[in-house]
All heavy atoms as atom14 arrays in JSON, in Angstrom:
{
  "sequence": "TGQPDFGTIRISYAPAKACLELKSLKLYFHGYRNRGVFYEAAVNG",
  "atom14_mask": [
    [1, 1, 1, 1, 1, 1, 1, 0, 0, 0, 0, 0, 0, 0],
    [1, 1, 1, 1, 0, 0, 0, 0, 0, 0, 0, 0, 0, 0],
    [1, 1, 1, 1, 1, 1, 1, 1, 1, 0, 0, 0, 0, 0],
    [1, 1, 1, 1, 1, 1, 1, 0, 0, 0, 0, 0, 0, 0],
    [1, 1, 1, 1, 1, 1, 1, 1, 0, 0, 0, 0, 0, 0],
    [1, 1, 1, 1, 1, 1, 1, 1, 1, 1, 1, 0, 0, 0],
    [1, 1, 1, 1, 0, 0, 0, 0, 0, 0, 0, 0, 0, 0],
    [1, 1, 1, 1, 1, 1, 1, 0, 0, 0, 0, 0, 0, 0],
    [1, 1, 1, 1, 1, 1, 1, 1, 0, 0, 0, 0, 0, 0],
    [1, 1, 1, 1, 1, 1, 1, 1, 1, 1, 1, 0, 0, 0],
    [1, 1, 1, 1, 1, 1, 1, 1, 0, 0, 0, 0, 0, 0],
    [1, 1, 1, 1, 1, 1, 0, 0, 0, 0, 0, 0, 0, 0],
    [1, 1, 1, 1, 1, 1, 1, 1, 1, 1, 1, 1, 0, 0],
    [1, 1, 1, 1, 1, 0, 0, 0, 0, 0, 0, 0, 0, 0],
    [1, 1, 1, 1, 1, 1, 1, 0, 0, 0, 0, 0, 0, 0],
    [1, 1, 1, 1, 1, 0, 0, 0, 0, 0, 0, 0, 0, 0],
    [1, 1, 1, 1, 1, 1, 1, 1, 1, 0, 0, 0, 0, 0],
    [1, 1, 1, 1, 1, 0, 0, 0, 0, 0, 0, 0, 0, 0],
    [1, 1, 1, 1, 1, 1, 0, 0, 0, 0, 0, 0, 0, 0],
    [1, 1, 1, 1, 1, 1, 1, 1, 0, 0, 0, 0, 0, 0],
    [1, 1, 1, 1, 1, 1, 1, 1, 1, 0, 0, 0, 0, 0],
    [1, 1, 1, 1, 1, 1, 1, 1, 0, 0, 0, 0, 0, 0],
    [1, 1, 1, 1, 1, 1, 1, 1, 1, 0, 0, 0, 0, 0],
    [1, 1, 1, 1, 1, 1, 0, 0, 0, 0, 0, 0, 0, 0],
    [1, 1, 1, 1, 1, 1, 1, 1, 0, 0, 0, 0, 0, 0],
    [1, 1, 1, 1, 1, 1, 1, 1, 1, 0, 0, 0, 0, 0],
    [1, 1, 1, 1, 1, 1, 1, 1, 0, 0, 0, 0, 0, 0],
    [1, 1, 1, 1, 1, 1, 1, 1, 1, 1, 1, 1, 0, 0],
    [1, 1, 1, 1, 1, 1, 1, 1, 1, 1, 1, 0, 0, 0],
    [1, 1, 1, 1, 1, 1, 1, 1, 1, 1, 0, 0, 0, 0],
    [1, 1, 1, 1, 0, 0, 0, 0, 0, 0, 0, 0, 0, 0],
    [1, 1, 1, 1, 1, 1, 1, 1, 1, 1, 1, 1, 0, 0],
    [1, 1, 1, 1, 1, 1, 1, 1, 1, 1, 1, 0, 0, 0],
    [1, 1, 1, 1, 1, 1, 1, 1, 0, 0, 0, 0, 0, 0],
    [1, 1, 1, 1, 1, 1, 1, 1, 1, 1, 1, 0, 0, 0],
    [1, 1, 1, 1, 0, 0, 0, 0, 0, 0, 0, 0, 0, 0],
    [1, 1, 1, 1, 1, 1, 1, 0, 0, 0, 0, 0, 0, 0],
    [1, 1, 1, 1, 1, 1, 1, 1, 1, 1, 1, 0, 0, 0],
    [1, 1, 1, 1, 1, 1, 1, 1, 1, 1, 1, 1, 0, 0],
    [1, 1, 1, 1, 1, 1, 1, 1, 1, 0, 0, 0, 0, 0],
    [1, 1, 1, 1, 1, 0, 0, 0, 0, 0, 0, 0, 0, 0],
    [1, 1, 1, 1, 1, 0, 0, 0, 0, 0, 0, 0, 0, 0],
    [1, 1, 1, 1, 1, 1, 1, 0, 0, 0, 0, 0, 0, 0],
    [1, 1, 1, 1, 1, 1, 1, 1, 0, 0, 0, 0, 0, 0],
    [1, 1, 1, 1, 0, 0, 0, 0, 0, 0, 0, 0, 0, 0]
  ],
  "atom14_positions": [
    [[-10.66, 12.71, 10.61], [-11.81, 13.39, 9.99], [-12.72, 12.46, 9.21], [-13.85, 12.83, 8.9], [-11.31, 14.48, 9.01], [-10.63, 13.85, 7.92], [-10.38, 15.47, 9.7], [0.0, 0.0, 0.0], [0.0, 0.0, 0.0], [0.0, 0.0, 0.0], [0.0, 0.0, 0.0], [0.0, 0.0, 0.0], [0.0, 0.0, 0.0], [0.0, 0.0, 0.0]],
    [[-12.21, 11.29, 8.84], [-12.99, 10.39, 8.0], [-12.99, 10.78, 6.53], [-13.6, 10.12, 5.71], [0.0, 0.0, 0.0], [0.0, 0.0, 0.0], [0.0, 0.0, 0.0], [0.0, 0.0, 0.0], [0.0, 0.0, 0.0], [0.0, 0.0, 0.0], [0.0, 0.0, 0.0], [0.0, 0.0, 0.0], [0.0, 0.0, 0.0], [0.0, 0.0, 0.0]],
    [[-12.28, 11.86, 6.21], [-12.19, 12.31, 4.82], [-11.19, 11.45, 4.05], [-10.25, 10.92, 4.62], [-11.74, 13.79, 4.77], [-12.72, 14.75, 5.39], [-14.03, 14.77, 4.64], [-14.06, 14.9, 3.42], [-15.13, 14.61, 5.36], [0.0, 0.0, 0.0], [0.0, 0.0, 0.0], [0.0, 0.0, 0.0], [0.0, 0.0, 0.0], [0.0, 0.0, 0.0]],
    [[-11.37, 11.34, 2.74], [-10.44, 10.51, 1.96], [-9.07, 11.18, 1.83], [-8.96, 12.39, 1.72], [-11.12, 10.4, 0.59], [-12.05, 11.55, 0.52], [-12.46, 11.87, 1.93], [0.0, 0.0, 0.0], [0.0, 0.0, 0.0], [0.0, 0.0, 0.0], [0.0, 0.0, 0.0], [0.0, 0.0, 0.0], [0.0, 0.0, 0.0], [0.0, 0.0, 0.0]],
    [[-8.05, 10.35, 1.89], [-6.67, 10.76, 1.64], [-6.23, 10.09, 0.34], [-6.58, 8.94, 0.08], [-5.74, 10.3, 2.76], [-5.87, 11.15, 4.01], [-6.15, 12.36, 3.89], [-5.68, 10.6, 5.12], [0.0, 0.0, 0.0], [0.0, 0.0, 0.0], [0.0, 0.0, 0.0], [0.0, 0.0, 0.0], [0.0, 0.0, 0.0], [0.0, 0.0, 0.0]],
    [[-5.45, 10.8, -0.45], [-4.97, 10.31, -1.73], [-3.46, 10.43, -1.78], [-2.9, 11.32, -1.16], [-5.57, 11.12, -2.89], [-7.06, 11.14, -2.89], [-7.76, 12.19, -2.31], [-7.78, 10.1, -3.47], [-9.14, 12.2, -2.31], [-9.16, 10.11, -3.47], [-9.85, 11.16, -2.89], [0.0, 0.0, 0.0], [0.0, 0.0, 0.0], [0.0, 0.0, 0.0]],
    [[-2.83, 9.57, -2.55], [-1.4, 9.66, -2.68], [-0.85, 8.69, -3.7], [-1.59, 7.91, -4.31], [0.0, 0.0, 0.0], [0.0, 0.0, 0.0], [0.0, 0.0, 0.0], [0.0, 0.0, 0.0], [0.0, 0.0, 0.0], [0.0, 0.0, 0.0], [0.0, 0.0, 0.0], [0.0, 0.0, 0.0], [0.0, 0.0, 0.0], [0.0, 0.0, 0.0]],
    [[0.46, 8.75, -3.85], [1.19, 7.83, -4.72], [2.17, 7.06, -3.84], [2.93, 7.67, -3.09], [1.96, 8.6, -5.81], [1.02, 9.29, -6.63], [2.79, 7.67, -6.67], [0.0, 0.0, 0.0], [0.0, 0.0, 0.0], [0.0, 0.0, 0.0], [0.0, 0.0, 0.0], [0.0, 0.0, 0.0], [0.0, 0.0, 0.0], [0.0, 0.0, 0.0]],
    [[2.11, 5.75, -3.94], [3.04, 4.88, -3.22], [4.08, 4.38, -4.22], [3.73, 3.9, -5.3], [2.32, 3.69, -2.56], [1.19, 4.15, -1.63], [3.32, 2.78, -1.84], [1.64, 4.91, -0.4], [0.0, 0.0, 0.0], [0.0, 0.0, 0.0], [0.0, 0.0, 0.0], [0.0, 0.0, 0.0], [0.0, 0.0, 0.0], [0.0, 0.0, 0.0]],
    [[5.35, 4.52, -3.85], [6.44, 4.02, -4.68], [7.18, 2.94, -3.91], [7.53, 3.15, -2.75], [7.37, 5.14, -5.07], [6.74, 6.11, -6.05], [7.69, 7.23, -6.49], [7.02, 8.08, -7.43], [6.24, 9.11, -7.11], [6.02, 9.39, -5.84], [5.66, 9.85, -8.04], [0.0, 0.0, 0.0], [0.0, 0.0, 0.0], [0.0, 0.0, 0.0]],
    [[7.41, 1.82, -4.58], [8.1, 0.68, -3.98], [9.33, 0.39, -4.83], [9.23, 0.25, -6.05], [7.19, -0.56, -3.96], [5.89, -0.26, -3.21], [7.92, -1.76, -3.38], [4.75, -1.19, -3.56], [0.0, 0.0, 0.0], [0.0, 0.0, 0.0], [0.0, 0.0, 0.0], [0.0, 0.0, 0.0], [0.0, 0.0, 0.0], [0.0, 0.0, 0.0]],
    [[10.49, 0.31, -4.2], [11.73, -0.09, -4.86], [12.31, -1.23, -4.03], [12.38, -1.12, -2.81], [12.74, 1.05, -4.92], [12.27, 2.09, -5.72], [0.0, 0.0, 0.0], [0.0, 0.0, 0.0], [0.0, 0.0, 0.0], [0.0, 0.0, 0.0], [0.0, 0.0, 0.0], [0.0, 0.0, 0.0], [0.0, 0.0, 0.0], [0.0, 0.0, 0.0]],
    [[12.72, -2.3, -4.72], [13.31, -3.4, -3.97], [14.21, -4.25, -4.86], [14.09, -4.25, -6.08], [12.25, -4.26, -3.3], [11.42, -5.15, -4.2], [11.65, -6.52, -4.26], [10.38, -4.64, -4.98], [10.88, -7.36, -5.06], [9.61, -5.46, -5.77], [9.86, -6.82, -5.82], [9.09, -7.63, -6.61], [0.0, 0.0, 0.0], [0.0, 0.0, 0.0]],
    [[15.12, -4.95, -4.19], [15.97, -5.94, -4.85], [15.48, -7.3, -4.38], [15.62, -7.64, -3.2], [17.43, -5.73, -4.48], [0.0, 0.0, 0.0], [0.0, 0.0, 0.0], [0.0, 0.0, 0.0], [0.0, 0.0, 0.0], [0.0, 0.0, 0.0], [0.0, 0.0, 0.0], [0.0, 0.0, 0.0], [0.0, 0.0, 0.0], [0.0, 0.0, 0.0]],
    [[14.87, -8.08, -5.27], [14.33, -9.37, -4.85], [15.45, -10.35, -4.5], [16.54, -10.27, -5.06], [13.54, -9.84, -6.06], [14.18, -9.16, -7.22], [14.67, -7.84, -6.71], [0.0, 0.0, 0.0], [0.0, 0.0, 0.0], [0.0, 0.0, 0.0], [0.0, 0.0, 0.0], [0.0, 0.0, 0.0], [0.0, 0.0, 0.0], [0.0, 0.0, 0.0]],
    [[15.14, -11.26, -3.6], [16.05, -12.36, -3.29], [15.52, -13.6, -4.0], [15.81, -13.8, -5.17], [16.15, -12.56, -1.78], [0.0, 0.0, 0.0], [0.0, 0.0, 0.0], [0.0, 0.0, 0.0], [0.0, 0.0, 0.0], [0.0, 0.0, 0.0], [0.0, 0.0, 0.0], [0.0, 0.0, 0.0], [0.0, 0.0, 0.0], [0.0, 0.0, 0.0]],
    [[14.69, -14.38, -3.34], [14.15, -15.6, -3.95], [12.8, -15.4, -4.62], [12.37, -16.22, -5.42], [14.04, -16.7, -2.9], [15.37, -17.17, -2.38], [15.2, -18.28, -1.37], [16.56, -18.72, -0.86], [16.45, -19.79, 0.12], [0.0, 0.0, 0.0], [0.0, 0.0, 0.0], [0.0, 0.0, 0.0], [0.0, 0.0, 0.0], [0.0, 0.0, 0.0]],
    [[12.1, -14.3, -4.27], [10.73, -14.1, -4.78], [10.5, -12.66, -5.19], [11.1, -11.73, -4.64], [9.72, -14.52, -3.72], [0.0, 0.0, 0.0], [0.0, 0.0, 0.0], [0.0, 0.0, 0.0], [0.0, 0.0, 0.0], [0.0, 0.0, 0.0], [0.0, 0.0, 0.0], [0.0, 0.0, 0.0], [0.0, 0.0, 0.0], [0.0, 0.0, 0.0]],
    [[9.57, -12.48, -6.15], [9.14, -11.16, -6.62], [7.67, -10.99, -6.28], [6.9, -11.96, -6.23], [9.3, -11.05, -8.14], [11.0, -11.24, -8.72], [0.0, 0.0, 0.0], [0.0, 0.0, 0.0], [0.0, 0.0, 0.0], [0.0, 0.0, 0.0], [0.0, 0.0, 0.0], [0.0, 0.0, 0.0], [0.0, 0.0, 0.0], [0.0, 0.0, 0.0]],
    [[7.25, -9.75, -6.08], [5.85, -9.46, -5.8], [5.01, -9.64, -7.07], [5.4, -9.18, -8.15], [5.69, -8.03, -5.3], [6.39, -7.71, -3.98], [6.34, -6.21, -3.71], [5.75, -8.49, -2.84], [0.0, 0.0, 0.0], [0.0, 0.0, 0.0], [0.0, 0.0, 0.0], [0.0, 0.0, 0.0], [0.0, 0.0, 0.0], [0.0, 0.0, 0.0]],
    [[3.86, -10.27, -6.94], [2.94, -10.47, -8.05], [2.01, -9.25, -8.09], [1.4, -8.88, -7.09], [2.16, -11.77, -7.84], [1.44, -12.26, -9.05], [0.1, -11.59, -9.26], [-0.61, -11.36, -8.27], [-0.22, -11.29, -10.42], [0.0, 0.0, 0.0], [0.0, 0.0, 0.0], [0.0, 0.0, 0.0], [0.0, 0.0, 0.0], [0.0, 0.0, 0.0]],
    [[1.92, -8.6, -9.24], [1.28, -7.29, -9.32], [-0.24, -7.3, -9.13], [-0.79, -6.37, -8.53], [1.64, -6.6, -10.64], [3.13, -6.27, -10.78], [3.39, -5.59, -12.11], [3.63, -5.42, -9.62], [0.0, 0.0, 0.0], [0.0, 0.0, 0.0], [0.0, 0.0, 0.0], [0.0, 0.0, 0.0], [0.0, 0.0, 0.0], [0.0, 0.0, 0.0]],
    [[-0.94, -8.3, -9.63], [-2.4, -8.33, -9.41], [-2.71, -8.47, -7.93], [-3.58, -7.77, -7.39], [-3.05, -9.47, -10.19], [-4.56, -9.49, -9.99], [-5.23, -10.58, -10.77], [-6.73, -10.58, -10.5], [-7.39, -11.7, -11.14], [0.0, 0.0, 0.0], [0.0, 0.0, 0.0], [0.0, 0.0, 0.0], [0.0, 0.0, 0.0], [0.0, 0.0, 0.0]],
    [[-1.98, -9.32, -7.25], [-2.16, -9.48, -5.81], [-1.83, -8.17, -5.08], [-2.51, -7.8, -4.12], [-1.25, -10.61, -5.32], [-1.35, -10.77, -3.93], [0.0, 0.0, 0.0], [0.0, 0.0, 0.0], [0.0, 0.0, 0.0], [0.0, 0.0, 0.0], [0.0, 0.0, 0.0], [0.0, 0.0, 0.0], [0.0, 0.0, 0.0], [0.0, 0.0, 0.0]],
    [[-0.79, -7.46, -5.54], [-0.42, -6.18, -4.95], [-1.54, -5.16, -5.13], [-1.88, -4.42, -4.21], [0.88, -5.67, -5.57], [1.46, -4.4, -4.97], [1.85, -4.61, -3.51], [2.66, -3.94, -5.78], [0.0, 0.0, 0.0], [0.0, 0.0, 0.0], [0.0, 0.0, 0.0], [0.0, 0.0, 0.0], [0.0, 0.0, 0.0], [0.0, 0.0, 0.0]],
    [[-2.14, -5.14, -6.31], [-3.26, -4.23, -6.56], [-4.41, -4.51, -5.6], [-4.98, -3.59, -4.99], [-3.74, -4.38, -8.0], [-4.96, -3.52, -8.33], [-5.4, -3.69, -9.75], [-6.23, -4.94, -9.87], [-6.95, -5.07, -11.13], [0.0, 0.0, 0.0], [0.0, 0.0, 0.0], [0.0, 0.0, 0.0], [0.0, 0.0, 0.0], [0.0, 0.0, 0.0]],
    [[-4.75, -5.77, -5.41], [-5.83, -6.14, -4.49], [-5.47, -5.8, -3.05], [-6.33, -5.38, -2.26], [-6.16, -7.63, -4.63], [-6.71, -8.03, -6.0], [-6.86, -9.54, -6.09], [-8.03, -7.32, -6.3], [0.0, 0.0, 0.0], [0.0, 0.0, 0.0], [0.0, 0.0, 0.0], [0.0, 0.0, 0.0], [0.0, 0.0, 0.0], [0.0, 0.0, 0.0]],
    [[-4.21, -5.94, -2.7], [-3.74, -5.55, -1.37], [-4.02, -4.07, -1.13], [-4.54, -3.68, -0.08], [-2.24, -5.86, -1.26], [-1.57, -5.24, -0.07], [-1.62, -5.85, 1.18], [-0.88, -4.03, -0.19], [-1.0, -5.28, 2.28], [-0.25, -3.46, 0.9], [-0.32, -4.08, 2.13], [0.29, -3.51, 3.22], [0.0, 0.0, 0.0], [0.0, 0.0, 0.0]],
    [[-3.69, -3.23, -2.11], [-3.9, -1.79, -1.95], [-5.39, -1.43, -1.91], [-5.75, -0.45, -1.25], [-3.16, -0.99, -3.02], [-1.72, -0.78, -2.66], [-0.72, -1.46, -3.32], [-1.37, 0.09, -1.64], [0.61, -1.29, -2.97], [-0.04, 0.27, -1.28], [0.95, -0.42, -1.94], [0.0, 0.0, 0.0], [0.0, 0.0, 0.0], [0.0, 0.0, 0.0]],
    [[-6.23, -2.2, -2.55], [-7.67, -1.95, -2.46], [-8.15, -2.07, -1.01], [-9.13, -1.44, -0.63], [-8.45, -2.91, -3.34], [-8.38, -2.59, -4.79], [-9.21, -3.16, -5.7], [-7.58, -1.75, -5.49], [-8.93, -2.69, -6.91], [-7.94, -1.84, -6.79], [0.0, 0.0, 0.0], [0.0, 0.0, 0.0], [0.0, 0.0, 0.0], [0.0, 0.0, 0.0]],
    [[-7.47, -2.88, -0.22], [-7.81, -3.05, 1.19], [-7.65, -1.8, 2.03], [-8.18, -1.72, 3.14], [0.0, 0.0, 0.0], [0.0, 0.0, 0.0], [0.0, 0.0, 0.0], [0.0, 0.0, 0.0], [0.0, 0.0, 0.0], [0.0, 0.0, 0.0], [0.0, 0.0, 0.0], [0.0, 0.0, 0.0], [0.0, 0.0, 0.0], [0.0, 0.0, 0.0]],
    [[-6.93, -0.82, 1.53], [-6.74, 0.43, 2.26], [-7.88, 1.42, 2.05], [-8.03, 2.37, 2.82], [-5.42, 1.09, 1.85], [-4.24, 0.6, 2.64], [-3.51, -0.5, 2.22], [-3.86, 1.23, 3.82], [-2.43, -0.96, 2.95], [-2.78, 0.78, 4.56], [-2.08, -0.32, 4.12], [-1.01, -0.78, 4.85], [0.0, 0.0, 0.0], [0.0, 0.0, 0.0]],
    [[-8.66, 1.27, 1.02], [-9.64, 2.28, 0.62], [-10.59, 2.73, 1.72], [-10.93, 3.89, 1.79], [-10.46, 1.77, -0.57], [-9.64, 1.75, -1.82], [-10.47, 1.4, -3.0], [-9.65, 1.54, -4.2], [-10.06, 1.24, -5.39], [-11.28, 0.79, -5.58], [-9.26, 1.4, -6.42], [0.0, 0.0, 0.0], [0.0, 0.0, 0.0], [0.0, 0.0, 0.0]],
    [[-11.04, 1.82, 2.55], [-12.01, 2.16, 3.59], [-11.43, 2.09, 4.99], [-12.16, 2.03, 5.96], [-13.24, 1.24, 3.48], [-13.99, 1.48, 2.2], [-14.23, 2.61, 1.81], [-14.33, 0.41, 1.51], [0.0, 0.0, 0.0], [0.0, 0.0, 0.0], [0.0, 0.0, 0.0], [0.0, 0.0, 0.0], [0.0, 0.0, 0.0], [0.0, 0.0, 0.0]],
    [[-10.1, 2.11, 5.08], [-9.42, 2.05, 6.37], [-9.03, 3.44, 6.83], [-8.53, 4.24, 6.06], [-8.15, 1.22, 6.28], [-8.41, -0.26, 6.12], [-7.15, -1.07, 6.22], [-6.5, -0.8, 7.48], [-5.19, -0.74, 7.63], [-4.39, -0.94, 6.61], [-4.68, -0.5, 8.81], [0.0, 0.0, 0.0], [0.0, 0.0, 0.0], [0.0, 0.0, 0.0]],
    [[-9.19, 3.69, 8.1], [-8.68, 4.91, 8.7], [-7.25, 4.67, 9.13], [-7.0, 3.84, 10.0], [0.0, 0.0, 0.0], [0.0, 0.0, 0.0], [0.0, 0.0, 0.0], [0.0, 0.0, 0.0], [0.0, 0.0, 0.0], [0.0, 0.0, 0.0], [0.0, 0.0, 0.0], [0.0, 0.0, 0.0], [0.0, 0.0, 0.0], [0.0, 0.0, 0.0]],
    [[-6.31, 5.38, 8.51], [-4.89, 5.15, 8.81], [-4.09, 6.42, 8.55], [-4.3, 7.11, 7.55], [-4.34, 3.95, 7.99], [-4.46, 4.19, 6.5], [-2.93, 3.59, 8.38], [0.0, 0.0, 0.0], [0.0, 0.0, 0.0], [0.0, 0.0, 0.0], [0.0, 0.0, 0.0], [0.0, 0.0, 0.0], [0.0, 0.0, 0.0], [0.0, 0.0, 0.0]],
    [[-3.2, 6.74, 9.49], [-2.3, 7.88, 9.3], [-1.25, 7.51, 8.25], [-0.9, 6.34, 8.07], [-1.6, 8.25, 10.61], [-2.53, 8.91, 11.6], [-2.93, 8.22, 12.74], [-2.99, 10.19, 11.4], [-3.77, 8.82, 13.66], [-3.84, 10.8, 12.31], [-4.23, 10.11, 13.45], [0.0, 0.0, 0.0], [0.0, 0.0, 0.0], [0.0, 0.0, 0.0]],
    [[-0.7, 8.52, 7.57], [0.3, 8.3, 6.52], [1.46, 7.45, 7.02], [1.9, 6.52, 6.35], [0.88, 9.62, 6.03], [-0.07, 10.63, 5.46], [0.19, 11.98, 5.58], [-1.22, 10.25, 4.77], [-0.65, 12.93, 5.03], [-2.07, 11.18, 4.22], [-1.79, 12.53, 4.36], [-2.63, 13.46, 3.83], [0.0, 0.0, 0.0], [0.0, 0.0, 0.0]],
    [[1.98, 7.8, 8.19], [3.16, 7.13, 8.73], [2.88, 5.64, 8.98], [3.71, 4.78, 8.68], [3.61, 7.82, 10.02], [4.04, 9.26, 9.84], [2.87, 10.27, 9.78], [1.69, 9.88, 9.89], [3.17, 11.47, 9.62], [0.0, 0.0, 0.0], [0.0, 0.0, 0.0], [0.0, 0.0, 0.0], [0.0, 0.0, 0.0], [0.0, 0.0, 0.0]],
    [[1.71, 5.35, 9.53], [1.34, 3.96, 9.8], [1.13, 3.2, 8.5], [1.49, 2.02, 8.4], [0.08, 3.91, 10.66], [0.0, 0.0, 0.0], [0.0, 0.0, 0.0], [0.0, 0.0, 0.0], [0.0, 0.0, 0.0], [0.0, 0.0, 0.0], [0.0, 0.0, 0.0], [0.0, 0.0, 0.0], [0.0, 0.0, 0.0], [0.0, 0.0, 0.0]],
    [[0.56, 3.86, 7.5], [0.32, 3.2, 6.21], [1.65, 2.8, 5.56], [1.83, 1.64, 5.17], [-0.47, 4.11, 5.28], [0.0, 0.0, 0.0], [0.0, 0.0, 0.0], [0.0, 0.0, 0.0], [0.0, 0.0, 0.0], [0.0, 0.0, 0.0], [0.0, 0.0, 0.0], [0.0, 0.0, 0.0], [0.0, 0.0, 0.0], [0.0, 0.0, 0.0]],
    [[2.58, 3.73, 5.45], [3.85, 3.45, 4.77], [4.63, 2.37, 5.51], [5.14, 1.42, 4.9], [4.68, 4.74, 4.6], [6.1, 4.43, 4.13], [3.99, 5.67, 3.62], [0.0, 0.0, 0.0], [0.0, 0.0, 0.0], [0.0, 0.0, 0.0], [0.0, 0.0, 0.0], [0.0, 0.0, 0.0], [0.0, 0.0, 0.0], [0.0, 0.0, 0.0]],
    [[4.71, 2.47, 6.83], [5.44, 1.46, 7.59], [4.74, 0.11, 7.56], [5.4, -0.94, 7.49], [5.67, 1.94, 9.03], [6.82, 2.9, 9.1], [7.97, 2.5, 9.04], [6.52, 4.19, 9.2], [0.0, 0.0, 0.0], [0.0, 0.0, 0.0], [0.0, 0.0, 0.0], [0.0, 0.0, 0.0], [0.0, 0.0, 0.0], [0.0, 0.0, 0.0]],
    [[3.42, 0.09, 7.59], [2.67, -1.16, 7.49], [2.83, -1.82, 6.13], [2.98, -3.04, 6.03], [0.0, 0.0, 0.0], [0.0, 0.0, 0.0], [0.0, 0.0, 0.0], [0.0, 0.0, 0.0], [0.0, 0.0, 0.0], [0.0, 0.0, 0.0], [0.0, 0.0, 0.0], [0.0, 0.0, 0.0], [0.0, 0.0, 0.0], [0.0, 0.0, 0.0]]
  ]
}
């Protein structure tokens, strides 16, 4: 439909050698704002 979808993403993990850097993660999620993507593809991607 091209309509906006909204949601909450929750991430749980046990780090091995590296941890995710939060500012970079925030910018990563900004990349989804104008993308057409089904829920299932988004979560798995």
